[in-house]
Amino acid sequence: MQRRHLMQAGAALAVTPWFSALAETYPDRPIKMLQGFAPGGNADNIARVIGIEIGKTLGQPIVVEAQSGAGGTLAAGSVARAKPDGYTLLLATGGHAVAGALYNTLPYRTVQDFDAVSTITFFPFLVVTTAESKYKSFSDVLTAARAAPGSVAYGTAGIGSTHHLAGELLAKMAGVQMLHVPYRGDSASLTALLSGDVPFIIAPPTAVLSNIKGGKLRALAATGPQRWPGLPDVPSAAEQGVAGYDVRSWAGVLAPAGLPKPVLDRLNAEINKALLLPSVKARLEEMGGEARGSTPEEMKTMVANETQRWTQVVADAKIPKQ
């Protein structure tokens, strides 16, 4: 890692001709966008939605490649080690900041080893129970948790997932103790909820929306600062006694640190242009998110702040480091 940083620093002294030539010809071949989760999942779909559109305007295809494993850190490591020429990108999610907080050692630095390009979408989680549950509102959950600390359980997609940390932060800010029950992914936690193994779960909208609309589940709260537009009748947790609570996951594009500014600016402009297209906005909304781009500086600051916030949550909740 140290050798790579020294090479980057040395190269920075003599890159002006390369930067200029690259800016004039970029891109002249396909661009690879890695994502660290299973093919067909949210991250994969977001990468393809944005990739198709920016590929059109860049004049080269964006080839989305799934490199799943270790909470997205395998793909992030591959991108961190890649040449910073704009031909290898990372579709990062909120899990990128969580990994920076949760793992003792990573083959990269979560913030410093990447150039942020732009955010793409933000989406809340939902606190969900069954239609027959005794909990009619999230306030009911908080009341039960205060009456019997540690007895109210909730399920998530796993230890150290953003869902889990959202629950730990929620409990801390609400001043209650709840029992976390981890499962292997959203599908497993949903199955546990429907079978009565846990009274409620924290999950992304895409995992539970069809069952909510089908009448099997009831959404108790959204974890964003306001109500989620997809379920406007469901209050936020902040509305129900947890003032200031705001947890939204996100997806955005990162590149290896040292990307030439003309290339960074071009990618940022094309992503933000694509996010204004009604078809792209509609597709991202179907996946539970809000299309929203950013400047590179805004995204870099967000990743740094998110990593710091989750590091504190992990420490406060005494979650074992991986």
C-alpha atoms as a PDB file:
ATOM      1  CA  MET A   1       0.000   0.000   0.000  1.00  0.00           C
ATOM      2  CA  GLN A   2       2.824   2.386   0.930  1.00  0.00           C
ATOM      3  CA  ARG A   3       4.608   1.630  -2.355  1.00  0.00           C
ATOM      4  CA  ARG A   4       1.433   2.489  -4.270  1.00  0.00           C
ATOM      5  CA  HIS A   5       1.107   5.852  -2.519  1.00  0.00           C
ATOM      6  CA  LEU A   6       4.764   6.653  -3.240  1.00  0.00           C
ATOM      7  CA  MET A   7       4.285   5.747  -6.894  1.00  0.00           C
ATOM      8  CA  GLN A   8       1.233   8.013  -7.092  1.00  0.00           C
ATOM      9  CA  ALA A   9       3.089  10.871  -5.446  1.00  0.00           C
ATOM     10  CA  GLY A  10       6.052  10.491  -7.794  1.00  0.00           C
ATOM     11  CA  ALA A  11       3.845  10.211 -10.817  1.00  0.00           C
ATOM     12  CA  ALA A  12       2.055  13.417  -9.852  1.00  0.00           C
ATOM     13  CA  LEU A  13       5.236  15.337 -10.648  1.00  0.00           C
ATOM     14  CA  ALA A  14       5.180  14.378 -14.289  1.00  0.00           C
ATOM     15  CA  VAL A  15       1.620  13.653 -15.280  1.00  0.00           C
ATOM     16  CA  THR A  16       0.660  16.824 -17.086  1.00  0.00           C
ATOM     17  CA  PRO A  17       1.257  15.462 -20.625  1.00  0.00           C
ATOM     18  CA  TRP A  18      -0.534  12.205 -19.771  1.00  0.00           C
ATOM     19  CA  PHE A  19      -3.442  14.087 -18.195  1.00  0.00           C
ATOM     20  CA  SER A  20      -3.782  16.296 -21.258  1.00  0.00           C
ATOM     21  CA  ALA A  21      -3.649  13.422 -23.718  1.00  0.00           C
ATOM     22  CA  LEU A  22      -6.104  11.378 -21.673  1.00  0.00           C
ATOM     23  CA  ALA A  23      -8.549  14.266 -21.393  1.00  0.00           C
ATOM     24  CA  GLU A  24      -8.576  14.685 -25.177  1.00  0.00           C
ATOM     25  CA  THR A  25      -9.207  11.027 -25.996  1.00  0.00           C
ATOM     26  CA  TYR A  26     -11.196   9.785 -22.995  1.00  0.00           C
ATOM     27  CA  PRO A  27     -12.901   7.435 -23.307  1.00  0.00           C
ATOM     28  CA  ASP A  28     -11.581   5.456 -26.254  1.00  0.00           C
ATOM     29  CA  ARG A  29     -12.483   1.987 -24.982  1.00  0.00           C
ATOM     30  CA  PRO A  30     -15.121   0.368 -22.732  1.00  0.00           C
ATOM     31  CA  ILE A  31     -15.240   1.375 -19.060  1.00  0.00           C
ATOM     32  CA  LYS A  32     -15.531  -1.246 -16.347  1.00  0.00           C
ATOM     33  CA  MET A  33     -17.762  -0.573 -13.335  1.00  0.00           C
ATOM     34  CA  LEU A  34     -17.342  -3.033 -10.487  1.00  0.00           C
ATOM     35  CA  GLN A  35     -19.986  -3.597  -7.831  1.00  0.00           C
ATOM     36  CA  GLY A  36     -19.453  -5.759  -4.776  1.00  0.00           C
ATOM     37  CA  PHE A  37     -22.715  -7.643  -4.427  1.00  0.00           C
ATOM     38  CA  ALA A  38     -24.662 -10.411  -6.130  1.00  0.00           C
ATOM     39  CA  PRO A  39     -25.722 -10.030  -9.768  1.00  0.00           C
ATOM     40  CA  GLY A  40     -29.324  -8.888 -10.059  1.00  0.00           C
ATOM     41  CA  GLY A  41     -29.369  -7.138  -6.681  1.00  0.00           C
ATOM     42  CA  ASN A  42     -29.918  -3.458  -5.969  1.00  0.00           C
ATOM     43  CA  ALA A  43     -26.284  -2.429  -6.481  1.00  0.00           C
ATOM     44  CA  ASP A  44     -26.082  -4.348  -9.751  1.00  0.00           C
ATOM     45  CA  ASN A  45     -29.316  -2.827 -11.038  1.00  0.00           C
ATOM     46  CA  ILE A  46     -28.313   0.719 -10.074  1.00  0.00           C
ATOM     47  CA  ALA A  47     -24.962   0.278 -11.812  1.00  0.00           C
ATOM     48  CA  ARG A  48     -26.703  -0.875 -14.982  1.00  0.00           C
ATOM     49  CA  VAL A  49     -29.314   1.900 -14.950  1.00  0.00           C
ATOM     50  CA  ILE A  50     -26.713   4.641 -14.693  1.00  0.00           C
ATOM     51  CA  GLY A  51     -24.137   2.771 -16.773  1.00  0.00           C
ATOM     52  CA  ILE A  52     -26.387   2.423 -19.800  1.00  0.00           C
ATOM     53  CA  GLU A  53     -27.143   6.138 -19.899  1.00  0.00           C
ATOM     54  CA  ILE A  54     -23.650   7.505 -19.345  1.00  0.00           C
ATOM     55  CA  GLY A  55     -22.324   4.963 -21.820  1.00  0.00           C
ATOM     56  CA  LYS A  56     -24.525   6.548 -24.479  1.00  0.00           C
ATOM     57  CA  THR A  57     -23.186  10.059 -23.912  1.00  0.00           C
ATOM     58  CA  LEU A  58     -19.580   8.960 -23.369  1.00  0.00           C
ATOM     59  CA  GLY A  59     -19.655   6.958 -26.582  1.00  0.00           C
ATOM     60  CA  GLN A  60     -18.306   3.812 -24.922  1.00  0.00           C
ATOM     61  CA  PRO A  61     -20.144   1.006 -23.115  1.00  0.00           C
ATOM     62  CA  ILE A  62     -20.050   0.718 -19.342  1.00  0.00           C
ATOM     63  CA  VAL A  63     -19.433  -2.953 -18.525  1.00  0.00           C
ATOM     64  CA  VAL A  64     -20.874  -3.781 -15.102  1.00  0.00           C
ATOM     65  CA  GLU A  65     -19.030  -6.560 -13.313  1.00  0.00           C
ATOM     66  CA  ALA A  66     -20.103  -8.172 -10.039  1.00  0.00           C
ATOM     67  CA  GLN A  67     -17.210  -8.966  -7.702  1.00  0.00           C
ATOM     68  CA  SER A  68     -19.197 -10.058  -4.688  1.00  0.00           C
ATOM     69  CA  GLY A  69     -17.919 -10.965  -1.250  1.00  0.00           C
ATOM     70  CA  ALA A  70     -16.793  -9.532   2.092  1.00  0.00           C
ATOM     71  CA  GLY A  71     -19.483  -6.857   2.186  1.00  0.00           C
ATOM     72  CA  GLY A  72     -18.381  -5.205  -1.034  1.00  0.00           C
ATOM     73  CA  THR A  73     -14.750  -4.830   0.044  1.00  0.00           C
ATOM     74  CA  LEU A  74     -13.363  -7.164  -2.638  1.00  0.00           C
ATOM     75  CA  ALA A  75     -14.637  -4.935  -5.420  1.00  0.00           C
ATOM     76  CA  ALA A  76     -13.515  -1.813  -3.565  1.00  0.00           C
ATOM     77  CA  GLY A  77     -10.037  -3.268  -3.174  1.00  0.00           C
ATOM     78  CA  SER A  78      -9.811  -4.033  -6.871  1.00  0.00           C
ATOM     79  CA  VAL A  79     -10.760  -0.477  -7.789  1.00  0.00           C
ATOM     80  CA  ALA A  80      -8.398   1.056  -5.227  1.00  0.00           C
ATOM     81  CA  ARG A  81      -5.512  -0.836  -6.872  1.00  0.00           C
ATOM     82  CA  ALA A  82      -6.531   0.012 -10.436  1.00  0.00           C
ATOM     83  CA  LYS A  83      -4.847   2.625 -12.602  1.00  0.00           C
ATOM     84  CA  PRO A  84      -6.524   6.023 -12.070  1.00  0.00           C
ATOM     85  CA  ASP A  85      -7.359   6.568 -15.724  1.00  0.00           C
ATOM     86  CA  GLY A  86     -11.170   6.514 -15.643  1.00  0.00           C
ATOM     87  CA  TYR A  87     -11.519   3.014 -17.070  1.00  0.00           C
ATOM     88  CA  THR A  88     -12.179   1.272 -13.748  1.00  0.00           C
ATOM     89  CA  LEU A  89     -14.962   2.587 -11.517  1.00  0.00           C
ATOM     90  CA  LEU A  90     -16.778   1.380  -8.402  1.00  0.00           C
ATOM     91  CA  LEU A  91     -20.500   1.446  -7.802  1.00  0.00           C
ATOM     92  CA  ALA A  92     -20.259   1.999  -4.053  1.00  0.00           C
ATOM     93  CA  THR A  93     -23.127   1.774  -1.575  1.00  0.00           C
ATOM     94  CA  GLY A  94     -23.623   2.868   2.014  1.00  0.00           C
ATOM     95  CA  GLY A  95     -21.892  -0.381   2.933  1.00  0.00           C
ATOM     96  CA  HIS A  96     -18.604   1.184   1.816  1.00  0.00           C
ATOM     97  CA  ALA A  97     -18.660   3.521   4.822  1.00  0.00           C
ATOM     98  CA  VAL A  98     -19.918   0.753   7.096  1.00  0.00           C
ATOM     99  CA  ALA A  99     -17.006  -1.476   6.056  1.00  0.00           C
ATOM    100  CA  GLY A 100     -14.602   1.311   6.930  1.00  0.00           C
ATOM    101  CA  ALA A 101     -16.095   1.346  10.418  1.00  0.00           C
ATOM    102  CA  LEU A 102     -16.452  -2.401  10.914  1.00  0.00           C
ATOM    103  CA  TYR A 103     -13.294  -4.031   9.559  1.00  0.00           C
ATOM    104  CA  ASN A 104     -10.063  -3.979  11.529  1.00  0.00           C
ATOM    105  CA  THR A 105      -7.960  -4.054   8.394  1.00  0.00           C
ATOM    106  CA  LEU A 106      -8.799  -3.392   4.775  1.00  0.00           C
ATOM    107  CA  PRO A 107      -6.516  -3.424   1.729  1.00  0.00           C
ATOM    108  CA  TYR A 108      -7.403   0.208   1.129  1.00  0.00           C
ATOM    109  CA  ARG A 109      -8.357   3.381   2.977  1.00  0.00           C
ATOM    110  CA  THR A 110     -12.085   4.052   2.740  1.00  0.00           C
ATOM    111  CA  VAL A 111     -11.786   7.746   1.933  1.00  0.00           C
ATOM    112  CA  GLN A 112      -8.218   8.559   0.887  1.00  0.00           C
ATOM    113  CA  ASP A 113      -7.730   5.785  -1.682  1.00  0.00           C
ATOM    114  CA  PHE A 114     -10.696   6.841  -3.821  1.00  0.00           C
ATOM    115  CA  ASP A 115     -11.782   9.861  -5.810  1.00  0.00           C
ATOM    116  CA  ALA A 116     -15.500  10.443  -5.363  1.00  0.00           C
ATOM    117  CA  VAL A 117     -17.283  11.065  -8.670  1.00  0.00           C
ATOM    118  CA  SER A 118     -20.960  11.570  -7.780  1.00  0.00           C
ATOM    119  CA  THR A 119     -23.770  10.172  -5.704  1.00  0.00           C
ATOM    120  CA  ILE A 120     -26.598   8.521  -7.640  1.00  0.00           C
ATOM    121  CA  THR A 121     -29.416   7.659  -5.277  1.00  0.00           C
ATOM    122  CA  PHE A 122     -30.444   7.761  -1.628  1.00  0.00           C
ATOM    123  CA  PHE A 123     -33.013   5.526   0.022  1.00  0.00           C
ATOM    124  CA  PRO A 124     -34.297   4.925   3.563  1.00  0.00           C
ATOM    125  CA  PHE A 125     -34.913   1.664   5.313  1.00  0.00           C
ATOM    126  CA  LEU A 126     -38.324   0.674   6.599  1.00  0.00           C
ATOM    127  CA  VAL A 127     -39.251  -0.670  10.019  1.00  0.00           C
ATOM    128  CA  VAL A 128     -41.743  -3.395   9.174  1.00  0.00           C
ATOM    129  CA  THR A 129     -43.957  -5.820  11.083  1.00  0.00           C
ATOM    130  CA  THR A 130     -46.722  -8.208  10.087  1.00  0.00           C
ATOM    131  CA  ALA A 131     -50.262  -7.051   9.423  1.00  0.00           C
ATOM    132  CA  GLU A 132     -51.464  -8.963  12.527  1.00  0.00           C
ATOM    133  CA  SER A 133     -48.779  -7.548  14.847  1.00  0.00           C
ATOM    134  CA  LYS A 134     -49.700  -5.963  18.153  1.00  0.00           C
ATOM    135  CA  TYR A 135     -47.431  -3.083  17.169  1.00  0.00           C
ATOM    136  CA  LYS A 136     -49.644  -0.582  15.369  1.00  0.00           C
ATOM    137  CA  SER A 137     -47.042   2.188  15.307  1.00  0.00           C
ATOM    138  CA  PHE A 138     -43.355   2.586  15.984  1.00  0.00           C
ATOM    139  CA  SER A 139     -44.282   4.377  19.185  1.00  0.00           C
ATOM    140  CA  ASP A 140     -45.739   1.041  20.339  1.00  0.00           C
ATOM    141  CA  VAL A 141     -42.356  -0.583  19.763  1.00  0.00           C
ATOM    142  CA  LEU A 142     -40.563   2.091  21.787  1.00  0.00           C
ATOM    143  CA  THR A 143     -43.083   1.778  24.611  1.00  0.00           C
ATOM    144  CA  ALA A 144     -42.581  -2.001  24.767  1.00  0.00           C
ATOM    145  CA  ALA A 145     -38.792  -1.642  24.645  1.00  0.00           C
ATOM    146  CA  ARG A 146     -38.825   0.855  27.522  1.00  0.00           C
ATOM    147  CA  ALA A 147     -41.081  -1.381  29.594  1.00  0.00           C
ATOM    148  CA  ALA A 148     -38.838  -4.445  29.179  1.00  0.00           C
ATOM    149  CA  PRO A 149     -35.291  -3.482  28.099  1.00  0.00           C
ATOM    150  CA  GLY A 150     -33.653  -5.996  25.774  1.00  0.00           C
ATOM    151  CA  SER A 151     -36.809  -8.060  25.253  1.00  0.00           C
ATOM    152  CA  VAL A 152     -37.995  -6.539  21.968  1.00  0.00           C
ATOM    153  CA  ALA A 153     -36.169  -8.197  19.081  1.00  0.00           C
ATOM    154  CA  TYR A 154     -35.656  -7.059  15.515  1.00  0.00           C
ATOM    155  CA  GLY A 155     -34.176  -8.815  12.497  1.00  0.00           C
ATOM    156  CA  THR A 156     -31.770  -7.514   9.860  1.00  0.00           C
ATOM    157  CA  ALA A 157     -29.702  -8.740   6.942  1.00  0.00           C
ATOM    158  CA  GLY A 158     -26.759  -9.520   9.214  1.00  0.00           C
ATOM    159  CA  ILE A 159     -24.264  -8.391  11.830  1.00  0.00           C
ATOM    160  CA  GLY A 160     -22.552  -5.205  10.734  1.00  0.00           C
ATOM    161  CA  SER A 161     -24.999  -4.530   7.907  1.00  0.00           C
ATOM    162  CA  THR A 162     -26.199  -0.968   7.454  1.00  0.00           C
ATOM    163  CA  HIS A 163     -29.610  -2.250   8.609  1.00  0.00           C
ATOM    164  CA  HIS A 164     -28.030  -3.479  11.864  1.00  0.00           C
ATOM    165  CA  LEU A 165     -26.210  -0.216  12.521  1.00  0.00           C
ATOM    166  CA  ALA A 166     -29.415   1.677  11.727  1.00  0.00           C
ATOM    167  CA  GLY A 167     -31.107  -0.329  14.474  1.00  0.00           C
ATOM    168  CA  GLU A 168     -28.309   0.267  16.971  1.00  0.00           C
ATOM    169  CA  LEU A 169     -28.359   4.006  16.297  1.00  0.00           C
ATOM    170  CA  LEU A 170     -32.145   4.041  16.557  1.00  0.00           C
ATOM    171  CA  ALA A 171     -32.038   2.327  19.958  1.00  0.00           C
ATOM    172  CA  LYS A 172     -29.341   4.700  21.196  1.00  0.00           C
ATOM    173  CA  MET A 173     -31.168   7.837  20.093  1.00  0.00           C
ATOM    174  CA  ALA A 174     -34.492   6.552  21.461  1.00  0.00           C
ATOM    175  CA  GLY A 175     -32.898   5.617  24.788  1.00  0.00           C
ATOM    176  CA  VAL A 176     -34.004   1.972  24.638  1.00  0.00           C
ATOM    177  CA  GLN A 177     -32.417  -1.468  24.492  1.00  0.00           C
ATOM    178  CA  MET A 178     -33.483  -3.895  21.771  1.00  0.00           C
ATOM    179  CA  LEU A 179     -32.268  -7.360  20.811  1.00  0.00           C
ATOM    180  CA  HIS A 180     -30.675  -7.673  17.379  1.00  0.00           C
ATOM    181  CA  VAL A 181     -31.261 -10.943  15.517  1.00  0.00           C
ATOM    182  CA  PRO A 182     -29.040 -11.270  12.411  1.00  0.00           C
ATOM    183  CA  TYR A 183     -30.003 -13.257   9.310  1.00  0.00           C
ATOM    184  CA  ARG A 184     -28.244 -14.025   6.060  1.00  0.00           C
ATOM    185  CA  GLY A 185     -29.682 -11.288   3.886  1.00  0.00           C
ATOM    186  CA  ASP A 186     -32.990  -9.491   3.514  1.00  0.00           C
ATOM    187  CA  SER A 187     -34.832 -12.537   2.180  1.00  0.00           C
ATOM    188  CA  ALA A 188     -33.971 -14.558   5.275  1.00  0.00           C
ATOM    189  CA  SER A 189     -35.026 -11.782   7.662  1.00  0.00           C
ATOM    190  CA  LEU A 190     -38.298 -11.375   5.755  1.00  0.00           C
ATOM    191  CA  THR A 191     -38.964 -15.110   6.013  1.00  0.00           C
ATOM    192  CA  ALA A 192     -38.295 -14.950   9.752  1.00  0.00           C
ATOM    193  CA  LEU A 193     -40.739 -12.069  10.139  1.00  0.00           C
ATOM    194  CA  LEU A 194     -43.491 -13.801   8.180  1.00  0.00           C
ATOM    195  CA  SER A 195     -43.009 -17.000  10.191  1.00  0.00           C
ATOM    196  CA  GLY A 196     -43.208 -15.140  13.502  1.00  0.00           C
ATOM    197  CA  ASP A 197     -39.579 -15.606  14.584  1.00  0.00           C
ATOM    198  CA  VAL A 198     -39.068 -11.849  15.096  1.00  0.00           C
ATOM    199  CA  PRO A 199     -41.665  -9.129  15.726  1.00  0.00           C
ATOM    200  CA  PHE A 200     -40.206  -6.652  13.243  1.00  0.00           C
ATOM    201  CA  ILE A 201     -37.331  -6.145  10.828  1.00  0.00           C
ATOM    202  CA  ILE A 202     -35.382  -3.274   9.312  1.00  0.00           C
ATOM    203  CA  ALA A 203     -35.121  -3.660   5.550  1.00  0.00           C
ATOM    204  CA  PRO A 204     -34.854  -1.648   2.330  1.00  0.00           C
ATOM    205  CA  PRO A 205     -38.094  -0.853   0.508  1.00  0.00           C
ATOM    206  CA  THR A 206     -37.345  -3.219  -2.368  1.00  0.00           C
ATOM    207  CA  ALA A 207     -37.262  -6.198   0.011  1.00  0.00           C
ATOM    208  CA  VAL A 208     -40.655  -5.585   1.609  1.00  0.00           C
ATOM    209  CA  LEU A 209     -42.770  -3.292  -0.565  1.00  0.00           C
ATOM    210  CA  SER A 210     -44.653  -6.023  -2.436  1.00  0.00           C
ATOM    211  CA  ASN A 211     -45.716  -7.649   0.839  1.00  0.00           C
ATOM    212  CA  ILE A 212     -46.760  -4.284   2.266  1.00  0.00           C
ATOM    213  CA  LYS A 213     -48.895  -3.577  -0.777  1.00  0.00           C
ATOM    214  CA  GLY A 214     -50.199  -7.148  -0.653  1.00  0.00           C
ATOM    215  CA  GLY A 215     -51.427  -6.676   2.898  1.00  0.00           C
ATOM    216  CA  LYS A 216     -49.087  -9.156   4.614  1.00  0.00           C
ATOM    217  CA  LEU A 217     -46.864  -6.541   6.216  1.00  0.00           C
ATOM    218  CA  ARG A 218     -47.286  -3.160   7.874  1.00  0.00           C
ATOM    219  CA  ALA A 219     -44.634  -0.450   7.681  1.00  0.00           C
ATOM    220  CA  LEU A 220     -44.198   1.246  11.058  1.00  0.00           C
ATOM    221  CA  ALA A 221     -41.616   3.873  10.173  1.00  0.00           C
ATOM    222  CA  ALA A 222     -39.193   5.119   7.557  1.00  0.00           C
ATOM    223  CA  THR A 223     -35.633   5.797   8.680  1.00  0.00           C
ATOM    224  CA  GLY A 224     -35.114   8.965   6.642  1.00  0.00           C
ATOM    225  CA  PRO A 225     -35.739  12.453   8.026  1.00  0.00           C
ATOM    226  CA  GLN A 226     -39.044  12.708   6.161  1.00  0.00           C
ATOM    227  CA  ARG A 227     -41.647  10.257   4.976  1.00  0.00           C
ATOM    228  CA  TRP A 228     -40.606   8.085   2.071  1.00  0.00           C
ATOM    229  CA  PRO A 229     -42.525   9.139  -1.081  1.00  0.00           C
ATOM    230  CA  GLY A 230     -43.228   5.500  -1.913  1.00  0.00           C
ATOM    231  CA  LEU A 231     -45.307   5.181   1.282  1.00  0.00           C
ATOM    232  CA  PRO A 232     -46.400   8.732   2.118  1.00  0.00           C
ATOM    233  CA  ASP A 233     -48.778   7.593   4.881  1.00  0.00           C
ATOM    234  CA  VAL A 234     -45.964   5.996   6.900  1.00  0.00           C
ATOM    235  CA  PRO A 235     -44.391   8.425   9.395  1.00  0.00           C
ATOM    236  CA  SER A 236     -40.652   8.647   9.859  1.00  0.00           C
ATOM    237  CA  ALA A 237     -39.055   7.471  13.094  1.00  0.00           C
ATOM    238  CA  ALA A 238     -38.211  11.115  13.767  1.00  0.00           C
ATOM    239  CA  GLU A 239     -41.931  11.922  13.729  1.00  0.00           C
ATOM    240  CA  GLN A 240     -42.568   9.202  16.287  1.00  0.00           C
ATOM    241  CA  GLY A 241     -40.343  10.237  19.142  1.00  0.00           C
ATOM    242  CA  VAL A 242     -36.770   9.878  17.824  1.00  0.00           C
ATOM    243  CA  ALA A 243     -35.934  13.469  16.969  1.00  0.00           C
ATOM    244  CA  GLY A 244     -33.053  13.924  14.551  1.00  0.00           C
ATOM    245  CA  TYR A 245     -32.885  10.285  13.509  1.00  0.00           C
ATOM    246  CA  ASP A 246     -31.805  10.000   9.873  1.00  0.00           C
ATOM    247  CA  VAL A 247     -30.414   6.869   8.255  1.00  0.00           C
ATOM    248  CA  ARG A 248     -30.426   6.563   4.505  1.00  0.00           C
ATOM    249  CA  SER A 249     -28.295   4.274   2.462  1.00  0.00           C
ATOM    250  CA  TRP A 250     -26.897   5.495  -0.818  1.00  0.00           C
ATOM    251  CA  ALA A 251     -25.182   4.509  -4.019  1.00  0.00           C
ATOM    252  CA  GLY A 252     -22.588   6.475  -5.921  1.00  0.00           C
ATOM    253  CA  VAL A 253     -19.525   6.165  -8.105  1.00  0.00           C
ATOM    254  CA  LEU A 254     -15.946   6.072  -6.849  1.00  0.00           C
ATOM    255  CA  ALA A 255     -12.707   5.866  -8.828  1.00  0.00           C
ATOM    256  CA  PRO A 256      -9.106   5.125  -7.849  1.00  0.00           C
ATOM    257  CA  ALA A 257      -7.419   8.097  -6.193  1.00  0.00           C
ATOM    258  CA  GLY A 258      -5.505  10.292  -8.600  1.00  0.00           C
ATOM    259  CA  LEU A 259      -8.051  10.491 -11.414  1.00  0.00           C
ATOM    260  CA  PRO A 260      -7.187  13.337 -13.824  1.00  0.00           C
ATOM    261  CA  LYS A 261      -9.488  16.272 -13.144  1.00  0.00           C
ATOM    262  CA  PRO A 262     -10.771  16.551 -16.745  1.00  0.00           C
ATOM    263  CA  VAL A 263     -11.833  12.892 -16.586  1.00  0.00           C
ATOM    264  CA  LEU A 264     -13.373  13.307 -13.141  1.00  0.00           C
ATOM    265  CA  ASP A 265     -15.289  16.382 -14.305  1.00  0.00           C
ATOM    266  CA  ARG A 266     -16.515  14.586 -17.417  1.00  0.00           C
ATOM    267  CA  LEU A 267     -17.782  11.575 -15.476  1.00  0.00           C
ATOM    268  CA  ASN A 268     -19.442  13.792 -12.890  1.00  0.00           C
ATOM    269  CA  ALA A 269     -21.194  15.832 -15.573  1.00  0.00           C
ATOM    270  CA  GLU A 270     -22.471  12.768 -17.428  1.00  0.00           C
ATOM    271  CA  ILE A 271     -23.805  11.111 -14.258  1.00  0.00           C
ATOM    272  CA  ASN A 272     -25.617  14.248 -13.158  1.00  0.00           C
ATOM    273  CA  LYS A 273     -27.030  14.717 -16.650  1.00  0.00           C
ATOM    274  CA  ALA A 274     -28.322  11.122 -16.663  1.00  0.00           C
ATOM    275  CA  LEU A 275     -29.988  11.585 -13.275  1.00  0.00           C
ATOM    276  CA  LEU A 276     -32.181  14.330 -14.729  1.00  0.00           C
ATOM    277  CA  LEU A 277     -33.712  11.945 -17.276  1.00  0.00           C
ATOM    278  CA  PRO A 278     -37.294  10.982 -16.354  1.00  0.00           C
ATOM    279  CA  SER A 279     -36.636   7.346 -17.292  1.00  0.00           C
ATOM    280  CA  VAL A 280     -33.635   7.110 -14.957  1.00  0.00           C
ATOM    281  CA  LYS A 281     -35.418   8.879 -12.109  1.00  0.00           C
ATOM    282  CA  ALA A 282     -38.418   6.583 -12.502  1.00  0.00           C
ATOM    283  CA  ARG A 283     -36.280   3.439 -12.515  1.00  0.00           C
ATOM    284  CA  LEU A 284     -34.405   4.479  -9.376  1.00  0.00           C
ATOM    285  CA  GLU A 285     -37.688   5.321  -7.670  1.00  0.00           C
ATOM    286  CA  GLU A 286     -38.957   1.836  -8.529  1.00  0.00           C
ATOM    287  CA  MET A 287     -35.957   0.516  -6.565  1.00  0.00           C
ATOM    288  CA  GLY A 288     -36.953   2.626  -3.572  1.00  0.00           C
ATOM    289  CA  GLY A 289     -34.520   5.467  -4.072  1.00  0.00           C
ATOM    290  CA  GLU A 290     -34.398   9.157  -4.832  1.00  0.00           C
ATOM    291  CA  ALA A 291     -32.194  10.154  -7.773  1.00  0.00           C
ATOM    292  CA  ARG A 292     -29.706  12.720  -6.531  1.00  0.00           C
ATOM    293  CA  GLY A 293     -26.283  13.606  -7.871  1.00  0.00           C
ATOM    294  CA  SER A 294     -23.533  15.612  -6.220  1.00  0.00           C
ATOM    295  CA  THR A 295     -20.214  17.280  -6.801  1.00  0.00           C
ATOM    296  CA  PRO A 296     -17.122  15.126  -6.182  1.00  0.00           C
ATOM    297  CA  GLU A 297     -16.357  17.214  -3.098  1.00  0.00           C
ATOM    298  CA  GLU A 298     -19.832  16.725  -1.650  1.00  0.00           C
ATOM    299  CA  MET A 299     -19.656  12.962  -2.069  1.00  0.00           C
ATOM    300  CA  LYS A 300     -16.164  12.711  -0.584  1.00  0.00           C
ATOM    301  CA  THR A 301     -17.284  14.664   2.481  1.00  0.00           C
ATOM    302  CA  MET A 302     -20.360  12.470   2.833  1.00  0.00           C
ATOM    303  CA  VAL A 303     -18.320   9.243   2.722  1.00  0.00           C
ATOM    304  CA  ALA A 304     -15.931  10.607   5.346  1.00  0.00           C
ATOM    305  CA  ASN A 305     -18.787  11.719   7.612  1.00  0.00           C
ATOM    306  CA  GLU A 306     -20.649   8.431   7.218  1.00  0.00           C
ATOM    307  CA  THR A 307     -17.527   6.425   8.040  1.00  0.00           C
ATOM    308  CA  GLN A 308     -16.968   8.501  11.166  1.00  0.00           C
ATOM    309  CA  ARG A 309     -20.598   8.158  12.252  1.00  0.00           C
ATOM    310  CA  TRP A 310     -20.682   4.377  11.851  1.00  0.00           C
ATOM    311  CA  THR A 311     -17.319   4.002  13.579  1.00  0.00           C
ATOM    312  CA  GLN A 312     -18.861   5.644  16.643  1.00  0.00           C
ATOM    313  CA  VAL A 313     -21.995   3.471  16.435  1.00  0.00           C
ATOM    314  CA  VAL A 314     -19.885   0.289  16.198  1.00  0.00           C
ATOM    315  CA  ALA A 315     -17.877   1.367  19.247  1.00  0.00           C
ATOM    316  CA  ASP A 316     -20.941   2.374  21.284  1.00  0.00           C
ATOM    317  CA  ALA A 317     -22.799  -0.855  20.489  1.00  0.00           C
ATOM    318  CA  LYS A 318     -19.660  -2.948  21.119  1.00  0.00           C
ATOM    319  CA  ILE A 319     -20.079  -4.708  17.785  1.00  0.00           C
ATOM    320  CA  PRO A 320     -17.085  -7.031  17.269  1.00  0.00           C
ATOM    321  CA  LYS A 321     -14.707  -5.806  14.576  1.00  0.00           C
ATOM    322  CA  GLN A 322     -14.355  -8.143  11.630  1.00  0.00           C
END
